[in-house]
Amino acid sequence: MSTVASAPVKANRLKTSSLNNQLVNDYWAEVFEAKQNGKLVCWYEGVAINPLMQAADVAWVHGEAWSALLAARNNEEPAQTAAEHRGYLKELCSYARTHIGCGVLAQKRGAEASGSSFADALGAGLLGERVPAPDMFISAYPYCSTGQQWDEMLYRLFGKRIPIFNISVPWVWGNKKDSQYLGGSEFNEAVQFMVRQLRECMNFIAEHTGRKYDFDRLCEIMSYVKQAGRLRMEAMDLCMAKPAPASFFDWTTSLAPVNFIKGGPAIVDYFTKVKAEVQERLAAGEGAVRNEQYRLFWDGIMNWNKIGWLANKFAGYEANMVAGRYTHMGFWHEWESIDVQDPLAGMAINYLVCPINLSAPLMIEEIIKLCRKYEIDGMVLHAARTCRAFSNPQYLIAEAVQKRLGIPVAFIEGDMVDESFYKDEIVSSRVEAMLEAIESRRRAGIAA
């Protein structure tokens, strides 16, 4: 088994993924200027409904994306502390706790205060305090019960004065005789139920902007989203090669353009460049991990405080985290379902099959397909301490891949944006045990 080198080992991260930082900075700079430019600001959580706001010229703060940014920029602590002092326990979803903490801080400075520019707030370490306060709330959370109450807590926090709209994303049970992934009567009924709600949400947005909703603009936006989704999935497919030219950590870094960044030429250009770099690496035989020995699958949500750290850690083991449920089973991954002339059904389909909204049997089948597709040797299950929605089915997933594919697994604990739950010594011991199991199988001549 490879061990961590005595000298620091760095993952060979995609160069183009650094362009994501500029897209993110430009986006948040625009959000911070929204109110001065006469725009309403919507706080929302859950699936990527931002095209609905973009078509109506409403700015948006996606709660999970904002909390992840705070963690990635080491600005999360003030908001988390503010929420805890308000009575929200540390075991509450750290996304929600961080975002609610921003609401608490907004109350202290005055909900309508604009604060400062994004760059100034970042420089002062005051991002959480100065994010623009909401003019409306929209919730579109699948499965997770915390997510479905998150906006309700914010609604109460702001004195029940700000309009709120809830989109109910039905759980995909898949237990009828004709049920299948993306098909069957149950799924088709759920799609139509979602489409009706999306239309109602458009009416809600139009009512509060005072303008007729621009459906043609939504179609145009979704044409860019569809192109970006296609390019992203095509680039990830290229990682079936050995060595894989990119890793799960590259794909997590590249989520913003298919999660909350405005749909337009910029996101298509971004993934065009990402795919081109992956193709260049493929032609040169260049891997995301130099001397790739192990191909791993990441199950669970990402630890946003530790992206670079974990990428380098696994590179030190000569292990490439090739794919994951979080990246490969969400974020417009079913791009082919989007009809740009009438995109609502395709939007609904992508929302319904996000990584936490499928029943265990359906989800496991999709994970098994990915493990076979990318020829995975082992699975790391990141049990995010405060995200039960992702962690709940992980023992079933682990049991299935071990029995059906013979893949060794390692359970590690951490969190999305609360670094205190991560213990590096425990992670190291469990990952090393998994790699030893892979080596043992190889010596016995057993293929994964």
Protein backbone atom coordinates (compact mmCIF):
# COMPACT_ATOMS: atom_id res chain seq x y z
CA MET A 1 0.00 0.00 0.00
CA SER A 2 1.21 3.50 -0.81
CA THR A 3 1.75 5.71 2.19
CA VAL A 4 1.70 9.46 2.48
CA ALA A 5 5.04 10.78 1.25
CA SER A 6 7.36 12.45 3.74
CA ALA A 7 7.42 15.53 1.53
CA PRO A 8 4.04 17.23 0.96
CA VAL A 9 2.18 15.80 -2.04
CA LYS A 10 -0.05 18.03 -4.11
CA ALA A 11 -2.91 16.87 -6.25
CA ASN A 12 -2.65 17.84 -9.91
CA ARG A 13 -5.75 20.04 -9.85
CA LEU A 14 -7.31 21.35 -13.06
CA LYS A 15 -5.90 24.76 -13.91
CA THR A 16 -9.16 25.93 -15.44
CA SER A 17 -11.07 25.29 -12.22
CA SER A 18 -9.38 28.41 -10.84
CA LEU A 19 -11.52 30.40 -13.30
CA ASN A 20 -14.46 29.37 -11.14
CA ASN A 21 -13.21 31.70 -8.40
CA GLN A 22 -13.58 34.72 -10.66
CA LEU A 23 -17.11 33.69 -11.65
CA VAL A 24 -18.00 33.30 -7.98
CA ASN A 25 -16.46 36.62 -6.97
CA ASP A 26 -18.18 38.45 -9.84
CA TYR A 27 -21.50 36.88 -8.94
CA TRP A 28 -21.37 37.81 -5.25
CA ALA A 29 -20.11 41.31 -6.07
CA GLU A 30 -23.26 41.78 -8.16
CA VAL A 31 -25.46 40.45 -5.35
CA PHE A 32 -23.92 42.90 -2.88
CA GLU A 33 -24.73 45.75 -5.31
CA ALA A 34 -28.26 44.51 -6.11
CA LYS A 35 -30.24 46.79 -3.83
CA GLN A 36 -28.31 49.87 -4.86
CA ASN A 37 -29.24 48.93 -8.43
CA GLY A 38 -32.93 48.67 -7.59
CA LYS A 39 -33.17 44.87 -7.55
CA LEU A 40 -35.03 42.69 -5.09
CA VAL A 41 -33.03 40.00 -3.29
CA CYS A 42 -34.38 36.49 -2.73
CA TRP A 43 -32.95 34.11 -0.16
CA TYR A 44 -33.61 30.51 -1.16
CA GLU A 45 -32.51 26.99 -0.29
CA GLY A 46 -32.52 23.62 -1.99
CA VAL A 47 -32.45 22.80 -5.69
CA ALA A 48 -31.24 25.18 -8.40
CA ILE A 49 -34.34 27.32 -9.00
CA ASN A 50 -32.18 30.40 -9.60
CA PRO A 51 -33.14 30.55 -13.34
CA LEU A 52 -36.66 31.43 -12.16
CA MET A 53 -35.27 34.49 -10.37
CA GLN A 54 -32.81 35.41 -13.09
CA ALA A 55 -35.57 35.60 -15.70
CA ALA A 56 -37.36 38.14 -13.50
CA ASP A 57 -34.19 40.19 -12.80
CA VAL A 58 -34.24 39.27 -9.10
CA ALA A 59 -30.92 38.75 -7.29
CA TRP A 60 -30.54 35.65 -5.13
CA VAL A 61 -28.62 34.25 -2.19
CA HIS A 62 -28.57 30.45 -2.21
CA GLY A 63 -28.24 29.43 1.43
CA GLU A 64 -26.02 26.38 0.95
CA ALA A 65 -23.80 28.11 -1.61
CA TRP A 66 -23.43 31.15 0.63
CA SER A 67 -22.55 29.03 3.67
CA ALA A 68 -20.05 27.02 1.61
CA LEU A 69 -18.44 30.25 0.43
CA LEU A 70 -18.13 31.51 4.00
CA ALA A 71 -16.41 28.25 4.97
CA ALA A 72 -14.11 28.28 1.94
CA ARG A 73 -13.11 31.90 2.73
CA ASN A 74 -12.78 31.26 6.50
CA ASN A 75 -15.66 33.63 7.29
CA GLU A 76 -18.13 31.12 8.74
CA GLU A 77 -17.41 31.43 12.48
CA PRO A 78 -19.24 34.73 13.25
CA ALA A 79 -22.47 33.53 11.63
CA GLN A 80 -22.31 30.10 13.26
CA THR A 81 -21.64 31.65 16.66
CA ALA A 82 -24.51 34.12 16.22
CA ALA A 83 -26.92 31.28 15.42
CA GLU A 84 -25.73 29.22 18.41
CA HIS A 85 -26.20 32.21 20.75
CA ARG A 86 -29.72 32.52 19.35
CA GLY A 87 -30.39 28.94 20.44
CA TYR A 88 -29.70 26.91 17.30
CA LEU A 89 -27.75 23.82 18.35
CA LYS A 90 -24.39 22.90 16.89
CA GLU A 91 -25.89 19.61 15.66
CA LEU A 92 -28.28 21.50 13.38
CA CYS A 93 -27.39 21.36 9.67
CA SER A 94 -24.35 23.60 9.47
CA TYR A 95 -25.57 25.07 6.18
CA ALA A 96 -28.79 26.15 7.86
CA ARG A 97 -27.08 27.23 11.09
CA THR A 98 -24.61 29.39 9.18
CA HIS A 99 -27.25 30.98 6.95
CA ILE A 100 -29.65 31.58 9.83
CA GLY A 101 -26.73 33.14 11.68
CA CYS A 102 -26.41 35.61 8.81
CA GLY A 103 -30.05 36.51 9.44
CA VAL A 104 -29.30 37.06 13.12
CA LEU A 105 -26.40 39.33 12.21
CA ALA A 106 -28.64 41.20 9.75
CA GLN A 107 -31.03 41.96 12.61
CA LYS A 108 -28.21 43.48 14.63
CA ARG A 109 -27.09 45.81 11.85
CA GLY A 110 -30.59 46.59 10.59
CA ALA A 111 -32.21 44.37 8.01
CA GLU A 112 -32.19 47.02 5.30
CA ALA A 113 -28.56 48.07 5.75
CA SER A 114 -26.52 47.42 2.62
CA GLY A 115 -23.21 47.02 4.43
CA SER A 116 -20.34 47.34 1.96
CA SER A 117 -19.05 45.90 -1.26
CA PHE A 118 -18.29 42.19 -1.46
CA ALA A 119 -14.56 42.87 -1.68
CA ASP A 120 -14.60 45.15 1.38
CA ALA A 121 -16.72 42.69 3.39
CA LEU A 122 -14.40 39.84 2.45
CA GLY A 123 -11.33 41.87 3.36
CA ALA A 124 -12.81 42.75 6.74
CA GLY A 125 -13.92 39.18 7.46
CA LEU A 126 -17.55 40.34 7.63
CA LEU A 127 -19.20 38.53 4.75
CA GLY A 128 -21.84 36.86 6.91
CA GLU A 129 -22.82 40.13 8.55
CA ARG A 130 -23.05 42.18 5.38
CA VAL A 131 -24.83 39.91 2.89
CA PRO A 132 -27.89 41.83 1.56
CA ALA A 133 -31.06 41.16 3.54
CA PRO A 134 -33.92 39.33 1.77
CA ASP A 135 -36.99 40.83 0.11
CA MET A 136 -38.53 37.39 -0.39
CA PHE A 137 -37.93 33.77 0.56
CA ILE A 138 -38.36 30.70 -1.64
CA SER A 139 -37.83 27.17 -0.37
CA ALA A 140 -37.36 24.26 -2.76
CA TYR A 141 -35.88 21.58 -0.57
CA PRO A 142 -36.04 17.85 -1.37
CA TYR A 143 -36.27 15.17 1.32
CA CYS A 144 -34.37 16.92 4.14
CA SER A 145 -36.74 17.97 6.92
CA THR A 146 -34.34 20.66 8.13
CA GLY A 147 -34.30 22.22 4.69
CA GLN A 148 -38.08 22.37 4.64
CA GLN A 149 -38.07 24.36 7.89
CA TRP A 150 -35.03 26.50 7.18
CA ASP A 151 -36.90 29.28 5.37
CA GLU A 152 -39.68 29.12 7.94
CA MET A 153 -37.11 29.91 10.64
CA LEU A 154 -35.76 32.81 8.58
CA TYR A 155 -39.32 34.00 7.94
CA ARG A 156 -39.91 34.15 11.69
CA LEU A 157 -36.50 35.70 12.32
CA PHE A 158 -37.40 38.63 10.06
CA GLY A 159 -40.70 39.17 11.88
CA LYS A 160 -42.97 37.35 9.41
CA ARG A 161 -42.95 40.46 7.23
CA ILE A 162 -41.15 39.11 4.18
CA PRO A 163 -43.18 37.11 1.62
CA ILE A 164 -42.37 33.42 1.41
CA PHE A 165 -43.14 30.69 -1.13
CA ASN A 166 -42.60 26.97 -0.68
CA ILE A 167 -42.01 24.49 -3.49
CA SER A 168 -42.63 20.95 -2.31
CA VAL A 169 -40.23 18.48 -3.97
CA PRO A 170 -41.83 15.01 -3.60
CA TRP A 171 -39.71 12.07 -2.56
CA VAL A 172 -39.18 9.56 -5.38
CA TRP A 173 -40.21 6.25 -3.78
CA GLY A 174 -39.94 4.08 -6.88
CA ASN A 175 -42.11 1.36 -5.34
CA LYS A 176 -44.78 0.93 -8.01
CA LYS A 177 -44.64 -1.91 -10.51
CA ASP A 178 -43.75 0.39 -13.41
CA SER A 179 -41.25 2.45 -11.41
CA GLN A 180 -37.80 3.06 -12.80
CA TYR A 181 -35.20 5.79 -12.73
CA LEU A 182 -36.68 8.75 -14.67
CA GLY A 183 -39.81 6.79 -15.52
CA GLY A 184 -43.06 5.22 -14.40
CA SER A 185 -46.42 6.64 -13.36
CA GLU A 186 -45.23 7.82 -9.94
CA PHE A 187 -42.31 9.74 -11.39
CA ASN A 188 -44.35 11.27 -14.21
CA GLU A 189 -47.00 12.44 -11.74
CA ALA A 190 -44.28 13.99 -9.58
CA VAL A 191 -42.89 15.86 -12.59
CA GLN A 192 -46.29 17.35 -13.38
CA PHE A 193 -46.82 18.24 -9.71
CA MET A 194 -43.48 20.07 -9.77
CA VAL A 195 -44.29 21.88 -13.02
CA ARG A 196 -47.51 23.24 -11.52
CA GLN A 197 -45.58 24.54 -8.53
CA LEU A 198 -42.90 26.13 -10.69
CA ARG A 199 -45.62 28.01 -12.57
CA GLU A 200 -47.11 29.13 -9.25
CA CYS A 201 -43.66 30.27 -8.15
CA MET A 202 -43.33 32.34 -11.34
CA ASN A 203 -46.64 34.01 -10.45
CA PHE A 204 -45.37 34.68 -6.91
CA ILE A 205 -42.22 36.31 -8.29
CA ALA A 206 -44.23 38.38 -10.80
CA GLU A 207 -46.57 39.56 -8.04
CA HIS A 208 -43.73 40.85 -5.90
CA THR A 209 -41.69 42.40 -8.70
CA GLY A 210 -44.77 44.05 -10.20
CA ARG A 211 -43.76 42.87 -13.68
CA LYS A 212 -45.09 40.26 -16.07
CA TYR A 213 -42.97 37.13 -15.87
CA ASP A 214 -40.63 36.78 -18.88
CA PHE A 215 -40.96 33.11 -19.87
CA ASP A 216 -39.00 33.63 -23.08
CA ARG A 217 -36.09 34.86 -20.98
CA LEU A 218 -36.31 31.71 -18.84
CA CYS A 219 -36.10 29.57 -21.99
CA GLU A 220 -32.99 31.46 -23.10
CA ILE A 221 -31.35 31.04 -19.70
CA MET A 222 -32.09 27.32 -19.65
CA SER A 223 -30.51 26.91 -23.08
CA TYR A 224 -27.21 28.01 -21.52
CA VAL A 225 -27.79 25.80 -18.48
CA LYS A 226 -28.39 22.81 -20.74
CA GLN A 227 -25.19 23.45 -22.70
CA ALA A 228 -23.17 23.81 -19.49
CA GLY A 229 -24.71 20.64 -18.08
CA ARG A 230 -23.84 18.69 -21.22
CA LEU A 231 -20.22 19.89 -21.31
CA ARG A 232 -19.76 19.13 -17.63
CA MET A 233 -21.08 15.58 -17.92
CA GLU A 234 -19.02 14.95 -21.06
CA ALA A 235 -15.88 16.14 -19.26
CA MET A 236 -16.60 13.87 -16.30
CA ASP A 237 -17.18 10.92 -18.64
CA LEU A 238 -13.63 11.37 -19.94
CA CYS A 239 -12.43 10.38 -16.48
CA MET A 240 -13.19 6.77 -17.24
CA ALA A 241 -9.64 6.82 -18.57
CA LYS A 242 -6.72 5.57 -16.51
CA PRO A 243 -5.23 7.65 -15.06
CA ALA A 244 -8.29 9.85 -14.64
CA PRO A 245 -7.44 13.38 -15.81
CA ALA A 246 -9.58 15.07 -13.14
CA SER A 247 -10.96 14.22 -9.71
CA PHE A 248 -14.04 14.57 -7.55
CA PHE A 249 -12.34 17.56 -5.93
CA ASP A 250 -12.06 19.29 -9.30
CA TRP A 251 -15.76 18.69 -9.90
CA THR A 252 -16.74 20.07 -6.49
CA THR A 253 -14.72 23.19 -7.24
CA SER A 254 -16.70 23.48 -10.49
CA LEU A 255 -20.19 23.26 -9.01
CA ALA A 256 -20.99 26.97 -8.75
CA PRO A 257 -21.68 27.49 -12.48
CA VAL A 258 -24.30 24.71 -12.43
CA ASN A 259 -25.66 25.50 -9.00
CA PHE A 260 -26.18 29.22 -8.48
CA ILE A 261 -24.18 31.30 -11.00
CA LYS A 262 -26.29 33.14 -13.60
CA GLY A 263 -27.14 31.10 -16.67
CA GLY A 264 -25.44 32.67 -19.69
CA PRO A 265 -22.47 32.46 -22.05
CA ALA A 266 -19.99 32.62 -19.14
CA ILE A 267 -20.94 29.22 -17.70
CA VAL A 268 -20.83 27.60 -21.15
CA ASP A 269 -17.40 29.13 -21.76
CA TYR A 270 -16.23 27.87 -18.39
CA PHE A 271 -17.14 24.23 -19.01
CA THR A 272 -15.85 24.44 -22.58
CA LYS A 273 -12.45 25.32 -21.13
CA VAL A 274 -12.69 22.67 -18.42
CA LYS A 275 -13.51 19.97 -20.95
CA ALA A 276 -10.70 21.15 -23.25
CA GLU A 277 -8.16 20.86 -20.42
CA VAL A 278 -9.43 17.38 -19.53
CA GLN A 279 -9.05 16.37 -23.19
CA GLU A 280 -5.51 17.76 -23.28
CA ARG A 281 -4.60 15.77 -20.19
CA LEU A 282 -6.19 12.67 -21.65
CA ALA A 283 -4.11 12.98 -24.81
CA ALA A 284 -0.96 13.44 -22.72
CA GLY A 285 -1.78 10.61 -20.30
CA GLU A 286 -1.75 13.10 -17.43
CA GLY A 287 -3.71 12.25 -14.29
CA ALA A 288 -5.21 14.29 -11.48
CA VAL A 289 -3.06 12.13 -9.20
CA ARG A 290 0.46 11.39 -10.31
CA ASN A 291 1.07 7.63 -10.41
CA GLU A 292 -2.58 6.76 -9.82
CA GLN A 293 -2.83 3.44 -7.97
CA TYR A 294 -6.35 3.54 -6.56
CA ARG A 295 -9.62 4.78 -8.01
CA LEU A 296 -12.08 5.83 -5.32
CA PHE A 297 -15.70 6.96 -5.06
CA TRP A 298 -16.83 9.66 -2.62
CA ASP A 299 -20.29 9.26 -1.15
CA GLY A 300 -21.67 12.18 0.78
CA ILE A 301 -21.66 15.91 0.72
CA MET A 302 -18.39 17.83 0.43
CA ASN A 303 -16.35 19.18 3.34
CA TRP A 304 -15.96 22.75 2.08
CA ASN A 305 -13.31 23.70 4.61
CA LYS A 306 -11.08 20.88 3.40
CA ILE A 307 -11.26 20.63 -0.41
CA GLY A 308 -7.59 21.36 -1.07
CA TRP A 309 -6.49 19.52 2.04
CA LEU A 310 -8.38 16.35 1.13
CA ALA A 311 -7.32 16.49 -2.53
CA ASN A 312 -3.68 16.55 -1.43
CA LYS A 313 -4.25 13.94 1.25
CA PHE A 314 -5.56 11.36 -1.20
CA ALA A 315 -2.89 12.29 -3.73
CA GLY A 316 -0.39 11.36 -1.02
CA TYR A 317 -1.86 7.87 -1.05
CA GLU A 318 -1.68 7.80 -4.87
CA ALA A 319 -5.47 7.54 -4.74
CA ASN A 320 -7.69 9.41 -7.19
CA MET A 321 -11.18 10.24 -5.99
CA VAL A 322 -12.62 9.76 -9.46
CA ALA A 323 -16.36 10.22 -8.92
CA GLY A 324 -19.02 10.82 -6.30
CA ARG A 325 -22.77 10.89 -5.65
CA TYR A 326 -22.69 14.60 -4.87
CA THR A 327 -21.11 15.64 -8.17
CA HIS A 328 -22.25 12.96 -10.61
CA MET A 329 -25.88 12.57 -9.54
CA GLY A 330 -26.94 16.19 -9.39
CA PHE A 331 -26.56 19.72 -10.79
CA TRP A 332 -28.27 19.42 -14.20
CA HIS A 333 -26.79 15.96 -14.71
CA GLU A 334 -29.92 14.95 -16.66
CA TRP A 335 -29.39 17.77 -19.14
CA GLU A 336 -30.97 15.85 -22.02
CA SER A 337 -34.38 16.13 -20.37
CA ILE A 338 -34.42 19.93 -20.79
CA ASP A 339 -36.55 21.21 -23.67
CA VAL A 340 -35.33 24.77 -24.16
CA GLN A 341 -38.65 25.74 -25.76
CA ASP A 342 -40.55 24.70 -22.63
CA PRO A 343 -38.00 23.90 -19.90
CA LEU A 344 -40.17 23.45 -16.80
CA ALA A 345 -40.56 19.66 -17.08
CA GLY A 346 -36.80 19.21 -17.59
CA MET A 347 -36.11 21.46 -14.62
CA ALA A 348 -38.53 19.41 -12.52
CA ILE A 349 -36.85 16.14 -13.55
CA ASN A 350 -33.42 17.39 -12.49
CA TYR A 351 -34.80 18.59 -9.16
CA LEU A 352 -36.51 15.28 -8.46
CA VAL A 353 -33.41 13.14 -9.06
CA CYS A 354 -30.96 15.20 -7.03
CA PRO A 355 -28.58 13.14 -4.81
CA ILE A 356 -30.80 13.06 -1.71
CA ASN A 357 -34.25 12.62 -3.24
CA LEU A 358 -34.17 9.03 -4.51
CA SER A 359 -35.20 6.01 -2.45
CA ALA A 360 -32.32 3.77 -1.44
CA PRO A 361 -32.97 1.06 -4.09
CA LEU A 362 -33.01 3.61 -6.94
CA MET A 363 -30.05 5.51 -5.55
CA ILE A 364 -27.96 2.37 -5.01
CA GLU A 365 -28.54 1.22 -8.57
CA GLU A 366 -27.26 4.53 -9.91
CA ILE A 367 -24.22 4.40 -7.60
CA ILE A 368 -23.47 0.83 -8.69
CA LYS A 369 -23.56 1.98 -12.33
CA LEU A 370 -21.10 4.78 -11.57
CA CYS A 371 -18.73 2.45 -9.69
CA ARG A 372 -18.68 0.06 -12.65
CA LYS A 373 -18.37 2.85 -15.19
CA TYR A 374 -15.31 4.39 -13.51
CA GLU A 375 -13.84 1.03 -12.37
CA ILE A 376 -13.80 2.03 -8.73
CA ASP A 377 -11.53 0.18 -6.26
CA GLY A 378 -12.92 1.54 -2.99
CA MET A 379 -15.53 3.89 -1.55
CA VAL A 380 -15.13 6.68 1.01
CA LEU A 381 -18.39 7.53 2.76
CA HIS A 382 -18.24 11.00 4.25
CA ALA A 383 -20.79 11.00 7.07
CA ALA A 384 -21.36 14.72 7.37
CA ARG A 385 -22.16 15.17 11.04
CA THR A 386 -24.99 17.65 10.54
CA CYS A 387 -26.40 16.39 7.22
CA ARG A 388 -28.67 13.44 7.98
CA ALA A 389 -30.21 13.61 4.52
CA PHE A 390 -26.96 12.49 2.92
CA SER A 391 -25.77 10.26 5.74
CA ASN A 392 -28.96 8.31 6.47
CA PRO A 393 -28.69 5.76 3.61
CA GLN A 394 -24.92 5.31 3.75
CA TYR A 395 -24.89 1.99 5.61
CA LEU A 396 -27.24 0.59 2.95
CA ILE A 397 -24.98 1.95 0.21
CA ALA A 398 -21.87 0.49 1.86
CA GLU A 399 -23.51 -2.90 2.29
CA ALA A 400 -24.65 -2.96 -1.35
CA VAL A 401 -21.30 -2.08 -2.94
CA GLN A 402 -19.46 -4.51 -0.67
CA LYS A 403 -21.82 -7.40 -1.46
CA ARG A 404 -22.40 -6.73 -5.15
CA LEU A 405 -19.03 -5.33 -6.22
CA GLY A 406 -16.69 -6.44 -3.46
CA ILE A 407 -15.54 -2.86 -3.00
CA PRO A 408 -13.94 -2.07 0.38
CA VAL A 409 -15.31 1.02 2.12
CA ALA A 410 -14.13 3.60 4.64
CA PHE A 411 -16.47 5.67 6.79
CA ILE A 412 -15.09 9.08 7.74
CA GLU A 413 -16.77 11.84 9.69
CA GLY A 414 -16.68 15.54 9.02
CA ASP A 415 -19.16 18.18 8.03
CA MET A 416 -20.05 20.61 5.27
CA VAL A 417 -19.02 23.93 6.80
CA ASP A 418 -18.20 23.22 10.46
CA GLU A 419 -14.54 22.23 10.55
CA SER A 420 -14.63 21.17 14.20
CA PHE A 421 -16.20 17.80 13.33
CA TYR A 422 -13.24 16.71 11.19
CA LYS A 423 -10.52 14.62 12.86
CA ASP A 424 -7.60 13.95 10.55
CA GLU A 425 -6.10 11.07 12.57
CA ILE A 426 -9.34 9.10 12.39
CA VAL A 427 -9.71 9.79 8.67
CA SER A 428 -6.15 8.61 8.01
CA SER A 429 -6.54 5.35 9.90
CA ARG A 430 -9.79 4.43 8.17
CA VAL A 431 -8.60 5.33 4.69
CA GLU A 432 -5.38 3.37 5.19
CA ALA A 433 -7.37 0.33 6.36
CA MET A 434 -9.48 0.53 3.20
CA LEU A 435 -6.40 0.77 0.97
CA GLU A 436 -4.90 -2.25 2.73
CA ALA A 437 -8.10 -4.17 1.99
CA ILE A 438 -7.82 -3.21 -1.69
CA GLU A 439 -4.22 -4.42 -1.73
CA SER A 440 -5.23 -7.65 -0.05
CA ARG A 441 -7.84 -8.28 -2.76
CA ARG A 442 -5.27 -7.59 -5.45
CA ARG A 443 -2.81 -10.04 -3.95
CA ALA A 444 -5.55 -12.63 -3.91
CA GLY A 445 -6.23 -11.88 -7.56
CA ILE A 446 -9.72 -10.52 -6.94
CA ALA A 447 -10.80 -7.68 -9.23
CA ALA A 448 -13.09 -4.97 -7.89
